[in-house]
C-alpha cells in the first residue's frame, strides 16, 4: 500500500499530531515544505508541513486524528 496525507498545517501542530499517532503505534512520515522551500531559495508558509501514514494504518489512526482535530 501507499502513504496517505492526514494533516497539512503548521509545524507545531504537525509535530503534536505526529507524537499522538506514534504513541498509538502508528508510524508517520513528516514532509517539511518550509525547509525544502528555504533550501531552494523560495518562501512558503501556508500548509507548509504535512503528516503521512500508511494506508493500512488508517483504521488505527482515525480515532487519534479525529480527537486531535476536535481539540483544535
C-alpha atoms as a PDB file:
ATOM      1  CA  UNK A   1       0.000   0.000   0.000  1.00  0.00           C
ATOM      2  CA  UNK A   2       0.965   3.639  -0.101  1.00  0.00           C
ATOM      3  CA  UNK A   3       1.122   6.688   2.069  1.00  0.00           C
ATOM      4  CA  UNK A   4      -1.871   8.920   2.708  1.00  0.00           C
ATOM      5  CA  UNK A   5      -1.783  12.513   3.901  1.00  0.00           C
ATOM      6  CA  UNK A   6      -3.634  13.042   7.178  1.00  0.00           C
ATOM      7  CA  UNK A   7      -2.564  16.601   8.037  1.00  0.00           C
ATOM      8  CA  UNK A   8      -1.337  19.838   6.448  1.00  0.00           C
ATOM      9  CA  UNK A   9      -0.569  22.864   8.563  1.00  0.00           C
ATOM     10  CA  UNK A  10       1.904  24.455  10.905  1.00  0.00           C
ATOM     11  CA  UNK A  11       4.973  22.616  12.103  1.00  0.00           C
ATOM     12  CA  UNK A  12       3.918  22.841  15.760  1.00  0.00           C
ATOM     13  CA  UNK A  13       0.556  21.169  15.092  1.00  0.00           C
ATOM     14  CA  UNK A  14       2.133  18.587  12.790  1.00  0.00           C
ATOM     15  CA  UNK A  15       4.596  17.560  15.489  1.00  0.00           C
ATOM     16  CA  UNK A  16       1.790  17.329  18.066  1.00  0.00           C
ATOM     17  CA  UNK A  17      -0.262  15.032  15.820  1.00  0.00           C
ATOM     18  CA  UNK A  18       2.801  13.008  14.871  1.00  0.00           C
ATOM     19  CA  UNK A  19       3.588  12.369  18.552  1.00  0.00           C
ATOM     20  CA  UNK A  20      -0.008  11.282  19.272  1.00  0.00           C
ATOM     21  CA  UNK A  21      -0.038   8.904  16.312  1.00  0.00           C
ATOM     22  CA  UNK A  22       3.314   7.368  17.219  1.00  0.00           C
ATOM     23  CA  UNK A  23       2.159   6.908  20.828  1.00  0.00           C
ATOM     24  CA  UNK A  24      -0.811   4.953  19.419  1.00  0.00           C
ATOM     25  CA  UNK A  25       1.595   2.733  17.462  1.00  0.00           C
ATOM     26  CA  UNK A  26       1.154   4.344  14.039  1.00  0.00           C
ATOM     27  CA  UNK A  27       4.323   5.149  12.102  1.00  0.00           C
ATOM     28  CA  UNK A  28       4.352   8.576  10.475  1.00  0.00           C
ATOM     29  CA  UNK A  29       6.288  10.465   7.827  1.00  0.00           C
ATOM     30  CA  UNK A  30       6.604  14.259   8.048  1.00  0.00           C
ATOM     31  CA  UNK A  31       7.257  16.329   4.930  1.00  0.00           C
ATOM     32  CA  UNK A  32       8.560  19.797   5.760  1.00  0.00           C
ATOM     33  CA  UNK A  33       7.918  22.114   2.800  1.00  0.00           C
ATOM     34  CA  UNK A  34       9.228  25.113   4.759  1.00  0.00           C
ATOM     35  CA  UNK A  35      12.715  23.628   4.899  1.00  0.00           C
ATOM     36  CA  UNK A  36      12.530  22.459   1.289  1.00  0.00           C
ATOM     37  CA  UNK A  37      11.411  25.887   0.076  1.00  0.00           C
ATOM     38  CA  UNK A  38      14.074  27.659   2.094  1.00  0.00           C
ATOM     39  CA  UNK A  39      16.832  25.445   0.723  1.00  0.00           C
ATOM     40  CA  UNK A  40      15.515  26.083  -2.790  1.00  0.00           C
ATOM     41  CA  UNK A  41      15.509  29.847  -2.230  1.00  0.00           C
ATOM     42  CA  UNK A  42      11.736  30.223  -2.045  1.00  0.00           C
ATOM     43  CA  UNK A  43       9.461  31.244   0.801  1.00  0.00           C
ATOM     44  CA  UNK A  44       6.339  29.294   1.672  1.00  0.00           C
ATOM     45  CA  UNK A  45       4.279  29.422   4.856  1.00  0.00           C
ATOM     46  CA  UNK A  46       0.766  28.177   4.028  1.00  0.00           C
ATOM     47  CA  UNK A  47       0.148  24.493   4.827  1.00  0.00           C
ATOM     48  CA  UNK A  48       3.867  24.014   4.949  1.00  0.00           C
ATOM     49  CA  UNK A  49       4.187  20.759   6.916  1.00  0.00           C
ATOM     50  CA  UNK A  50       2.393  17.527   6.037  1.00  0.00           C
ATOM     51  CA  UNK A  51       1.990  14.291   8.004  1.00  0.00           C
ATOM     52  CA  UNK A  52       1.536  10.965   6.216  1.00  0.00           C
ATOM     53  CA  UNK A  53       0.656   7.461   7.430  1.00  0.00           C
ATOM     54  CA  UNK A  54       0.459   4.064   5.752  1.00  0.00           C
ATOM     55  CA  UNK A  55      -2.993   3.425   4.268  1.00  0.00           C
ATOM     56  CA  UNK A  56      -3.121   0.125   6.155  1.00  0.00           C
ATOM     57  CA  UNK A  57      -2.861   2.014   9.496  1.00  0.00           C
ATOM     58  CA  UNK A  58      -5.837   4.295   8.831  1.00  0.00           C
ATOM     59  CA  UNK A  59      -8.316   2.329  10.981  1.00  0.00           C
ATOM     60  CA  UNK A  60      -5.964   2.571  13.959  1.00  0.00           C
ATOM     61  CA  UNK A  61      -5.058   6.223  13.288  1.00  0.00           C
ATOM     62  CA  UNK A  62      -8.504   7.652  12.538  1.00  0.00           C
ATOM     63  CA  UNK A  63      -9.723   7.938  16.178  1.00  0.00           C
ATOM     64  CA  UNK A  64      -6.476   9.692  17.129  1.00  0.00           C
ATOM     65  CA  UNK A  65      -6.752  12.085  14.173  1.00  0.00           C
ATOM     66  CA  UNK A  66     -10.404  12.909  14.913  1.00  0.00           C
ATOM     67  CA  UNK A  67      -9.648  13.549  18.592  1.00  0.00           C
ATOM     68  CA  UNK A  68      -6.776  15.817  17.576  1.00  0.00           C
ATOM     69  CA  UNK A  69      -8.961  17.789  15.155  1.00  0.00           C
ATOM     70  CA  UNK A  70     -11.670  18.251  17.772  1.00  0.00           C
ATOM     71  CA  UNK A  71      -9.124  19.623  20.234  1.00  0.00           C
ATOM     72  CA  UNK A  72      -8.014  22.418  17.885  1.00  0.00           C
END
